[in-house]
């Protein structure tokens, strides 16, 4: 490792390995997209969101996401004839 001097102080310069950040997978991208829709002020106020699968999203990712959303308490999914899924939720009152 090279030793460098800066204002009379010696330090060892660390050699960093090239780190390639991993890009999010298709499921992660779908999750982020749907999360933005659900967290929008309009959806939060209505406690409902309408989501659609985009052409570049796989049916497997879509089915997995809907299954995981449906597992939550106080959440209802309604499949629409146009392919959309309406998500409704309630916020339980605290005791």
PDB file of N, CA and C in Angstrom:
ATOM      1  N   UNK A   1       0.842  -1.177   0.000  1.00  0.00           N
ATOM      2  CA  UNK A   1       0.000   0.000   0.000  1.00  0.00           C
ATOM      3  C   UNK A   1       0.883   1.235   0.000  1.00  0.00           C
ATOM      4  N   UNK A   2       0.535   2.212  -0.805  1.00  0.00           N
ATOM      5  CA  UNK A   2       1.352   3.416  -0.818  1.00  0.00           C
ATOM      6  C   UNK A   2       1.161   4.216   0.461  1.00  0.00           C
ATOM      7  N   UNK A   3       2.234   4.836   0.881  1.00  0.00           N
ATOM      8  CA  UNK A   3       2.183   5.701   2.055  1.00  0.00           C
ATOM      9  C   UNK A   3       2.206   7.130   1.554  1.00  0.00           C
ATOM     10  N   UNK A   4       1.279   7.929   2.036  1.00  0.00           N
ATOM     11  CA  UNK A   4       1.209   9.317   1.613  1.00  0.00           C
ATOM     12  C   UNK A   4       1.443  10.211   2.812  1.00  0.00           C
ATOM     13  N   UNK A   5       1.971  11.403   2.528  1.00  0.00           N
ATOM     14  CA  UNK A   5       2.234  12.343   3.605  1.00  0.00           C
ATOM     15  C   UNK A   5       1.383  13.575   3.373  1.00  0.00           C
ATOM     16  N   UNK A   6       0.730  14.015   4.421  1.00  0.00           N
ATOM     17  CA  UNK A   6      -0.089  15.212   4.350  1.00  0.00           C
ATOM     18  C   UNK A   6       0.199  16.048   5.578  1.00  0.00           C
ATOM     19  N   UNK A   7       0.835  17.205   5.398  1.00  0.00           N
ATOM     20  CA  UNK A   7       1.166  18.136   6.473  1.00  0.00           C
ATOM     21  C   UNK A   7       1.898  17.442   7.615  1.00  0.00           C
ATOM     22  N   UNK A   8       2.912  16.664   7.288  1.00  0.00           N
ATOM     23  CA  UNK A   8       3.735  16.046   8.313  1.00  0.00           C
ATOM     24  C   UNK A   8       3.125  14.819   8.953  1.00  0.00           C
ATOM     25  N   UNK A   9       1.918  14.433   8.566  1.00  0.00           N
ATOM     26  CA  UNK A   9       1.272  13.254   9.135  1.00  0.00           C
ATOM     27  C   UNK A   9       1.285  12.168   8.072  1.00  0.00           C
ATOM     28  N   UNK A  10       1.712  10.987   8.464  1.00  0.00           N
ATOM     29  CA  UNK A  10       1.739   9.881   7.527  1.00  0.00           C
ATOM     30  C   UNK A  10       0.461   9.056   7.677  1.00  0.00           C
ATOM     31  N   UNK A  11      -0.060   8.637   6.578  1.00  0.00           N
ATOM     32  CA  UNK A  11      -1.204   7.729   6.630  1.00  0.00           C
ATOM     33  C   UNK A  11      -1.106   6.773   5.456  1.00  0.00           C
ATOM     34  N   UNK A  12      -1.759   5.666   5.611  1.00  0.00           N
ATOM     35  CA  UNK A  12      -1.746   4.646   4.573  1.00  0.00           C
ATOM     36  C   UNK A  12      -3.014   4.805   3.747  1.00  0.00           C
ATOM     37  N   UNK A  13      -2.836   4.967   2.465  1.00  0.00           N
ATOM     38  CA  UNK A  13      -3.986   5.077   1.572  1.00  0.00           C
ATOM     39  C   UNK A  13      -4.564   3.688   1.355  1.00  0.00           C
ATOM     40  N   UNK A  14      -5.836   3.560   1.620  1.00  0.00           N
ATOM     41  CA  UNK A  14      -6.491   2.263   1.437  1.00  0.00           C
ATOM     42  C   UNK A  14      -6.815   2.068  -0.039  1.00  0.00           C
ATOM     43  N   UNK A  15      -6.566   0.883  -0.487  1.00  0.00           N
ATOM     44  CA  UNK A  15      -6.954   0.554  -1.848  1.00  0.00           C
ATOM     45  C   UNK A  15      -8.324  -0.098  -1.771  1.00  0.00           C
ATOM     46  N   UNK A  16      -9.251   0.509  -2.453  1.00  0.00           N
ATOM     47  CA  UNK A  16     -10.611  -0.031  -2.380  1.00  0.00           C
ATOM     48  C   UNK A  16     -10.875  -0.925  -3.579  1.00  0.00           C
ATOM     49  N   UNK A  17     -11.545  -1.986  -3.298  1.00  0.00           N
ATOM     50  CA  UNK A  17     -11.944  -2.897  -4.363  1.00  0.00           C
ATOM     51  C   UNK A  17     -13.115  -2.269  -5.106  1.00  0.00           C
ATOM     52  N   UNK A  18     -13.181  -2.510  -6.371  1.00  0.00           N
ATOM     53  CA  UNK A  18     -14.290  -1.980  -7.151  1.00  0.00           C
ATOM     54  C   UNK A  18     -15.573  -2.677  -6.708  1.00  0.00           C
ATOM     55  N   UNK A  19     -16.513  -1.882  -6.258  1.00  0.00           N
ATOM     56  CA  UNK A  19     -17.788  -2.424  -5.800  1.00  0.00           C
ATOM     57  C   UNK A  19     -18.848  -1.992  -6.798  1.00  0.00           C
ATOM     58  N   UNK A  20     -19.492  -2.949  -7.377  1.00  0.00           N
ATOM     59  CA  UNK A  20     -20.554  -2.657  -8.320  1.00  0.00           C
ATOM     60  C   UNK A  20     -21.879  -2.724  -7.578  1.00  0.00           C
ATOM     61  N   UNK A  21     -22.581  -1.586  -7.512  1.00  0.00           N
ATOM     62  CA  UNK A  21     -23.869  -1.633  -6.824  1.00  0.00           C
ATOM     63  C   UNK A  21     -24.830  -2.519  -7.608  1.00  0.00           C
ATOM     64  N   UNK A  22     -25.559  -3.332  -6.864  1.00  0.00           N
ATOM     65  CA  UNK A  22     -26.497  -4.224  -7.542  1.00  0.00           C
ATOM     66  C   UNK A  22     -27.765  -3.446  -7.882  1.00  0.00           C
ATOM     67  N   UNK A  23     -28.234  -3.649  -9.071  1.00  0.00           N
ATOM     68  CA  UNK A  23     -29.454  -2.993  -9.503  1.00  0.00           C
ATOM     69  C   UNK A  23     -30.646  -3.757  -8.943  1.00  0.00           C
ATOM     70  N   UNK A  24     -31.728  -3.040  -8.627  1.00  0.00           N
ATOM     71  CA  UNK A  24     -32.896  -3.745  -8.098  1.00  0.00           C
ATOM     72  C   UNK A  24     -33.475  -4.671  -9.161  1.00  0.00           C
ATOM     73  N   UNK A  25     -33.970  -5.808  -8.706  1.00  0.00           N
ATOM     74  CA  UNK A  25     -34.579  -6.769  -9.616  1.00  0.00           C
ATOM     75  C   UNK A  25     -35.980  -6.340 -10.008  1.00  0.00           C
ATOM     76  N   UNK A  26     -36.591  -7.121 -10.864  1.00  0.00           N
ATOM     77  CA  UNK A  26     -37.922  -6.773 -11.366  1.00  0.00           C
ATOM     78  C   UNK A  26     -38.957  -6.720 -10.241  1.00  0.00           C
ATOM     79  N   UNK A  27     -38.860  -7.644  -9.281  1.00  0.00           N
ATOM     80  CA  UNK A  27     -39.821  -7.649  -8.173  1.00  0.00           C
ATOM     81  C   UNK A  27     -39.640  -6.418  -7.289  1.00  0.00           C
ATOM     82  N   UNK A  28     -38.386  -6.053  -7.036  1.00  0.00           N
ATOM     83  CA  UNK A  28     -38.115  -4.879  -6.208  1.00  0.00           C
ATOM     84  C   UNK A  28     -38.624  -3.611  -6.886  1.00  0.00           C
ATOM     85  N   UNK A  29     -38.421  -3.504  -8.205  1.00  0.00           N
ATOM     86  CA  UNK A  29     -38.906  -2.325  -8.938  1.00  0.00           C
ATOM     87  C   UNK A  29     -40.430  -2.246  -8.886  1.00  0.00           C
ATOM     88  N   UNK A  30     -41.092  -3.391  -9.034  1.00  0.00           N
ATOM     89  CA  UNK A  30     -42.548  -3.433  -8.934  1.00  0.00           C
ATOM     90  C   UNK A  30     -42.991  -2.994  -7.546  1.00  0.00           C
ATOM     91  N   UNK A  31     -42.332  -3.511  -6.528  1.00  0.00           N
ATOM     92  CA  UNK A  31     -42.679  -3.148  -5.155  1.00  0.00           C
ATOM     93  C   UNK A  31     -42.531  -1.662  -4.888  1.00  0.00           C
ATOM     94  N   UNK A  32     -41.463  -1.067  -5.388  1.00  0.00           N
ATOM     95  CA  UNK A  32     -41.244   0.374  -5.196  1.00  0.00           C
ATOM     96  C   UNK A  32     -42.335   1.168  -5.910  1.00  0.00           C
ATOM     97  N   UNK A  33     -42.678   0.747  -7.116  1.00  0.00           N
ATOM     98  CA  UNK A  33     -43.710   1.459  -7.883  1.00  0.00           C
ATOM     99  C   UNK A  33     -45.056   1.418  -7.161  1.00  0.00           C
ATOM    100  N   UNK A  34     -45.454   0.239  -6.700  1.00  0.00           N
ATOM    101  CA  UNK A  34     -46.741   0.099  -6.013  1.00  0.00           C
ATOM    102  C   UNK A  34     -46.712   0.811  -4.662  1.00  0.00           C
ATOM    103  N   UNK A  35     -45.569   0.762  -3.986  1.00  0.00           N
ATOM    104  CA  UNK A  35     -45.447   1.455  -2.701  1.00  0.00           C
ATOM    105  C   UNK A  35     -45.663   2.958  -2.872  1.00  0.00           C
ATOM    106  N   UNK A  36     -45.139   3.532  -3.950  1.00  0.00           N
ATOM    107  CA  UNK A  36     -45.337   4.965  -4.203  1.00  0.00           C
ATOM    108  C   UNK A  36     -46.811   5.279  -4.410  1.00  0.00           C
ATOM    109  N   UNK A  37     -47.510   4.397  -5.119  1.00  0.00           N
ATOM    110  CA  UNK A  37     -48.944   4.606  -5.347  1.00  0.00           C
ATOM    111  C   UNK A  37     -49.701   4.546  -4.025  1.00  0.00           C
ATOM    112  N   UNK A  38     -49.424   3.521  -3.221  1.00  0.00           N
ATOM    113  CA  UNK A  38     -50.118   3.349  -1.941  1.00  0.00           C
ATOM    114  C   UNK A  38     -49.801   4.485  -0.975  1.00  0.00           C
ATOM    115  N   UNK A  39     -48.582   4.978  -0.997  1.00  0.00           N
ATOM    116  CA  UNK A  39     -48.177   6.036  -0.072  1.00  0.00           C
ATOM    117  C   UNK A  39     -48.523   7.439  -0.552  1.00  0.00           C
ATOM    118  N   UNK A  40     -49.113   7.563  -1.729  1.00  0.00           N
ATOM    119  CA  UNK A  40     -49.466   8.893  -2.226  1.00  0.00           C
ATOM    120  C   UNK A  40     -50.515   9.519  -1.307  1.00  0.00           C
ATOM    121  N   UNK A  41     -50.510  10.842  -1.184  1.00  0.00           N
ATOM    122  CA  UNK A  41     -51.496  11.501  -0.312  1.00  0.00           C
ATOM    123  C   UNK A  41     -52.941  11.172  -0.685  1.00  0.00           C
ATOM    124  N   UNK A  42     -53.222  11.068  -1.976  1.00  0.00           N
ATOM    125  CA  UNK A  42     -54.588  10.756  -2.411  1.00  0.00           C
ATOM    126  C   UNK A  42     -55.015   9.377  -1.927  1.00  0.00           C
ATOM    127  N   UNK A  43     -54.145   8.384  -2.102  1.00  0.00           N
ATOM    128  CA  UNK A  43     -54.468   7.023  -1.663  1.00  0.00           C
ATOM    129  C   UNK A  43     -54.572   6.952  -0.149  1.00  0.00           C
ATOM    130  N   UNK A  44     -53.688   7.622   0.549  1.00  0.00           N
ATOM    131  CA  UNK A  44     -53.727   7.591   2.009  1.00  0.00           C
ATOM    132  C   UNK A  44     -55.015   8.212   2.538  1.00  0.00           C
ATOM    133  N   UNK A  45     -55.451   9.295   1.912  1.00  0.00           N
ATOM    134  CA  UNK A  45     -56.692   9.941   2.347  1.00  0.00           C
ATOM    135  C   UNK A  45     -57.895   9.032   2.097  1.00  0.00           C
ATOM    136  N   UNK A  46     -57.909   8.375   0.931  1.00  0.00           N
ATOM    137  CA  UNK A  46     -59.030   7.503   0.568  1.00  0.00           C
ATOM    138  C   UNK A  46     -58.922   6.114   1.186  1.00  0.00           C
ATOM    139  N   UNK A  47     -57.733   5.780   1.700  1.00  0.00           N
ATOM    140  CA  UNK A  47     -57.449   4.426   2.193  1.00  0.00           C
ATOM    141  C   UNK A  47     -57.757   3.397   1.102  1.00  0.00           C
ATOM    142  N   UNK A  48     -57.364   3.761  -0.112  1.00  0.00           N
ATOM    143  CA  UNK A  48     -57.579   2.897  -1.273  1.00  0.00           C
ATOM    144  C   UNK A  48     -56.602   3.285  -2.376  1.00  0.00           C
ATOM    145  N   UNK A  49     -56.238   2.298  -3.184  1.00  0.00           N
ATOM    146  CA  UNK A  49     -55.353   2.548  -4.322  1.00  0.00           C
ATOM    147  C   UNK A  49     -55.722   1.594  -5.444  1.00  0.00           C
ATOM    148  N   UNK A  50     -55.609   2.076  -6.662  1.00  0.00           N
ATOM    149  CA  UNK A  50     -55.870   1.258  -7.841  1.00  0.00           C
ATOM    150  C   UNK A  50     -54.543   1.012  -8.535  1.00  0.00           C
ATOM    151  N   UNK A  51     -54.202  -0.266  -8.722  1.00  0.00           N
ATOM    152  CA  UNK A  51     -52.929  -0.603  -9.349  1.00  0.00           C
ATOM    153  C   UNK A  51     -53.163  -1.499 -10.562  1.00  0.00           C
ATOM    154  N   UNK A  52     -52.260  -1.385 -11.525  1.00  0.00           N
ATOM    155  CA  UNK A  52     -52.288  -2.195 -12.733  1.00  0.00           C
ATOM    156  C   UNK A  52     -50.906  -2.767 -12.965  1.00  0.00           C
ATOM    157  N   UNK A  53     -50.851  -3.955 -13.535  1.00  0.00           N
ATOM    158  CA  UNK A  53     -49.569  -4.539 -13.934  1.00  0.00           C
ATOM    159  C   UNK A  53     -49.160  -3.893 -15.243  1.00  0.00           C
ATOM    160  N   UNK A  54     -47.914  -3.423 -15.307  1.00  0.00           N
ATOM    161  CA  UNK A  54     -47.389  -2.835 -16.532  1.00  0.00           C
ATOM    162  C   UNK A  54     -46.894  -3.940 -17.463  1.00  0.00           C
ATOM    163  N   UNK A  55     -46.852  -3.671 -18.764  1.00  0.00           N
ATOM    164  CA  UNK A  55     -46.449  -4.710 -19.727  1.00  0.00           C
ATOM    165  C   UNK A  55     -45.074  -5.322 -19.463  1.00  0.00           C
ATOM    166  N   UNK A  56     -44.147  -4.555 -18.892  1.00  0.00           N
ATOM    167  CA  UNK A  56     -42.796  -5.093 -18.658  1.00  0.00           C
ATOM    168  C   UNK A  56     -42.662  -5.821 -17.322  1.00  0.00           C
ATOM    169  N   UNK A  57     -43.746  -5.924 -16.564  1.00  0.00           N
ATOM    170  CA  UNK A  57     -43.724  -6.624 -15.276  1.00  0.00           C
ATOM    171  C   UNK A  57     -44.248  -8.048 -15.466  1.00  0.00           C
ATOM    172  N   UNK A  58     -43.564  -9.008 -14.875  1.00  0.00           N
ATOM    173  CA  UNK A  58     -43.957 -10.401 -15.077  1.00  0.00           C
ATOM    174  C   UNK A  58     -45.210 -10.746 -14.274  1.00  0.00           C
ATOM    175  N   UNK A  59     -45.943 -11.707 -14.785  1.00  0.00           N
ATOM    176  CA  UNK A  59     -47.128 -12.178 -14.070  1.00  0.00           C
ATOM    177  C   UNK A  59     -46.741 -12.816 -12.746  1.00  0.00           C
ATOM    178  N   UNK A  60     -45.568 -13.450 -12.699  1.00  0.00           N
ATOM    179  CA  UNK A  60     -45.102 -14.084 -11.458  1.00  0.00           C
ATOM    180  C   UNK A  60     -44.839 -13.034 -10.381  1.00  0.00           C
ATOM    181  N   UNK A  61     -44.147 -11.947 -10.754  1.00  0.00           N
ATOM    182  CA  UNK A  61     -43.892 -10.869  -9.787  1.00  0.00           C
ATOM    183  C   UNK A  61     -45.203 -10.258  -9.318  1.00  0.00           C
ATOM    184  N   UNK A  62     -46.109 -10.030 -10.254  1.00  0.00           N
ATOM    185  CA  UNK A  62     -47.404  -9.425  -9.947  1.00  0.00           C
ATOM    186  C   UNK A  62     -48.189 -10.304  -8.969  1.00  0.00           C
ATOM    187  N   UNK A  63     -48.255 -11.595  -9.253  1.00  0.00           N
ATOM    188  CA  UNK A  63     -48.989 -12.521  -8.386  1.00  0.00           C
ATOM    189  C   UNK A  63     -48.365 -12.578  -6.995  1.00  0.00           C
ATOM    190  N   UNK A  64     -47.033 -12.595  -6.925  1.00  0.00           N
ATOM    191  CA  UNK A  64     -46.350 -12.637  -5.628  1.00  0.00           C
ATOM    192  C   UNK A  64     -46.641 -11.376  -4.824  1.00  0.00           C
ATOM    193  N   UNK A  65     -46.593 -10.217  -5.477  1.00  0.00           N
ATOM    194  CA  UNK A  65     -46.853  -8.962  -4.773  1.00  0.00           C
ATOM    195  C   UNK A  65     -48.280  -8.926  -4.237  1.00  0.00           C
ATOM    196  N   UNK A  66     -49.242  -9.299  -5.067  1.00  0.00           N
ATOM    197  CA  UNK A  66     -50.641  -9.283  -4.621  1.00  0.00           C
ATOM    198  C   UNK A  66     -50.869 -10.260  -3.478  1.00  0.00           C
ATOM    199  N   UNK A  67     -50.217 -11.410  -3.541  1.00  0.00           N
ATOM    200  CA  UNK A  67     -50.330 -12.390  -2.460  1.00  0.00           C
ATOM    201  C   UNK A  67     -49.786 -11.814  -1.153  1.00  0.00           C
ATOM    202  N   UNK A  68     -48.654 -11.145  -1.231  1.00  0.00           N
ATOM    203  CA  UNK A  68     -48.060 -10.569  -0.021  1.00  0.00           C
ATOM    204  C   UNK A  68     -48.889  -9.417   0.518  1.00  0.00           C
ATOM    205  N   UNK A  69     -49.470  -8.612  -0.367  1.00  0.00           N
ATOM    206  CA  UNK A  69     -50.342  -7.524   0.093  1.00  0.00           C
ATOM    207  C   UNK A  69     -51.571  -8.110   0.783  1.00  0.00           C
ATOM    208  N   UNK A  70     -52.152  -9.155   0.190  1.00  0.00           N
ATOM    209  CA  UNK A  70     -53.373  -9.760   0.726  1.00  0.00           C
ATOM    210  C   UNK A  70     -53.160 -10.399   2.091  1.00  0.00           C
ATOM    211  N   UNK A  71     -51.927 -10.769   2.423  1.00  0.00           N
ATOM    212  CA  UNK A  71     -51.641 -11.395   3.716  1.00  0.00           C
ATOM    213  C   UNK A  71     -51.774 -10.420   4.882  1.00  0.00           C
ATOM    214  N   UNK A  72     -51.798  -9.126   4.606  1.00  0.00           N
ATOM    215  CA  UNK A  72     -51.875  -8.130   5.668  1.00  0.00           C
ATOM    216  C   UNK A  72     -53.283  -8.053   6.239  1.00  0.00           C
ATOM    217  N   UNK A  73     -53.358  -7.881   7.554  1.00  0.00           N
ATOM    218  CA  UNK A  73     -54.652  -7.686   8.194  1.00  0.00           C
ATOM    219  C   UNK A  73     -55.232  -6.354   7.738  1.00  0.00           C
ATOM    220  N   UNK A  74     -56.540  -6.265   7.705  1.00  0.00           N
ATOM    221  CA  UNK A  74     -57.261  -5.037   7.392  1.00  0.00           C
ATOM    222  C   UNK A  74     -57.048  -4.555   5.964  1.00  0.00           C
ATOM    223  N   UNK A  75     -56.669  -5.465   5.061  1.00  0.00           N
ATOM    224  CA  UNK A  75     -56.477  -5.126   3.648  1.00  0.00           C
ATOM    225  C   UNK A  75     -57.394  -6.003   2.807  1.00  0.00           C
ATOM    226  N   UNK A  76     -58.071  -5.378   1.843  1.00  0.00           N
ATOM    227  CA  UNK A  76     -58.950  -6.094   0.922  1.00  0.00           C
ATOM    228  C   UNK A  76     -58.507  -5.804  -0.502  1.00  0.00           C
ATOM    229  N   UNK A  77     -58.442  -6.844  -1.324  1.00  0.00           N
ATOM    230  CA  UNK A  77     -58.125  -6.678  -2.738  1.00  0.00           C
ATOM    231  C   UNK A  77     -59.376  -6.979  -3.551  1.00  0.00           C
ATOM    232  N   UNK A  78     -59.638  -6.166  -4.565  1.00  0.00           N
ATOM    233  CA  UNK A  78     -60.769  -6.389  -5.466  1.00  0.00           C
ATOM    234  C   UNK A  78     -60.241  -6.362  -6.896  1.00  0.00           C
ATOM    235  N   UNK A  79     -60.377  -7.513  -7.591  1.00  0.00           N
ATOM    236  CA  UNK A  79     -59.923  -7.604  -8.973  1.00  0.00           C
ATOM    237  C   UNK A  79     -60.988  -7.004  -9.876  1.00  0.00           C
ATOM    238  N   UNK A  80     -60.572  -6.137 -10.782  1.00  0.00           N
ATOM    239  CA  UNK A  80     -61.496  -5.467 -11.689  1.00  0.00           C
ATOM    240  C   UNK A  80     -61.461  -6.119 -13.069  1.00  0.00           C
ATOM    241  N   UNK A  81     -62.523  -5.921 -13.825  1.00  0.00           N
ATOM    242  CA  UNK A  81     -62.611  -6.497 -15.167  1.00  0.00           C
ATOM    243  C   UNK A  81     -61.553  -5.938 -16.114  1.00  0.00           C
ATOM    244  N   UNK A  82     -61.083  -4.730 -15.853  1.00  0.00           N
ATOM    245  CA  UNK A  82     -60.090  -4.111 -16.738  1.00  0.00           C
ATOM    246  C   UNK A  82     -58.658  -4.529 -16.397  1.00  0.00           C
ATOM    247  N   UNK A  83     -58.497  -5.469 -15.465  1.00  0.00           N
ATOM    248  CA  UNK A  83     -57.168  -5.960 -15.103  1.00  0.00           C
ATOM    249  C   UNK A  83     -56.559  -5.271 -13.903  1.00  0.00           C
ATOM    250  N   UNK A  84     -57.167  -4.204 -13.462  1.00  0.00           N
ATOM    251  CA  UNK A  84     -56.665  -3.497 -12.292  1.00  0.00           C
ATOM    252  C   UNK A  84     -57.028  -4.216 -11.006  1.00  0.00           C
ATOM    253  N   UNK A  85     -56.330  -3.851  -9.959  1.00  0.00           N
ATOM    254  CA  UNK A  85     -56.633  -4.383  -8.632  1.00  0.00           C
ATOM    255  C   UNK A  85     -56.814  -3.192  -7.705  1.00  0.00           C
ATOM    256  N   UNK A  86     -57.981  -3.125  -7.088  1.00  0.00           N
ATOM    257  CA  UNK A  86     -58.266  -2.068  -6.128  1.00  0.00           C
ATOM    258  C   UNK A  86     -57.874  -2.582  -4.750  1.00  0.00           C
ATOM    259  N   UNK A  87     -57.066  -1.809  -4.062  1.00  0.00           N
ATOM    260  CA  UNK A  87     -56.634  -2.159  -2.708  1.00  0.00           C
ATOM    261  C   UNK A  87     -57.350  -1.224  -1.746  1.00  0.00           C
ATOM    262  N   UNK A  88     -58.001  -1.794  -0.756  1.00  0.00           N
ATOM    263  CA  UNK A  88     -58.663  -1.024   0.299  1.00  0.00           C
ATOM    264  C   UNK A  88     -58.045  -1.427   1.624  1.00  0.00           C
ATOM    265  N   UNK A  89     -57.929  -0.492   2.535  1.00  0.00           N
ATOM    266  CA  UNK A  89     -57.429  -0.844   3.859  1.00  0.00           C
ATOM    267  C   UNK A  89     -58.094   0.014   4.914  1.00  0.00           C
ATOM    268  N   UNK A  90     -58.095  -0.525   6.106  1.00  0.00           N
ATOM    269  CA  UNK A  90     -58.593   0.215   7.258  1.00  0.00           C
ATOM    270  C   UNK A  90     -57.461   0.319   8.263  1.00  0.00           C
ATOM    271  N   UNK A  91     -57.516   1.367   9.032  1.00  0.00           N
ATOM    272  CA  UNK A  91     -56.522   1.558  10.081  1.00  0.00           C
ATOM    273  C   UNK A  91     -57.223   1.269  11.398  1.00  0.00           C
ATOM    274  N   UNK A  92     -56.828   0.188  12.076  1.00  0.00           N
ATOM    275  CA  UNK A  92     -57.499  -0.151  13.332  1.00  0.00           C
ATOM    276  C   UNK A  92     -57.266   0.927  14.385  1.00  0.00           C
ATOM    277  N   UNK A  93     -58.298   1.154  15.171  1.00  0.00           N
ATOM    278  CA  UNK A  93     -58.172   2.128  16.254  1.00  0.00           C
ATOM    279  C   UNK A  93     -57.320   1.535  17.356  1.00  0.00           C
ATOM    280  N   UNK A  94     -56.501   2.386  17.942  1.00  0.00           N
ATOM    281  CA  UNK A  94     -55.664   1.929  19.056  1.00  0.00           C
ATOM    282  C   UNK A  94     -56.497   1.870  20.321  1.00  0.00           C
ATOM    283  N   UNK A  95     -56.198   0.890  21.160  1.00  0.00           N
ATOM    284  CA  UNK A  95     -56.952   0.712  22.410  1.00  0.00           C
ATOM    285  C   UNK A  95     -56.655   1.796  23.399  1.00  0.00           C
TER     286      UNK A  95
END
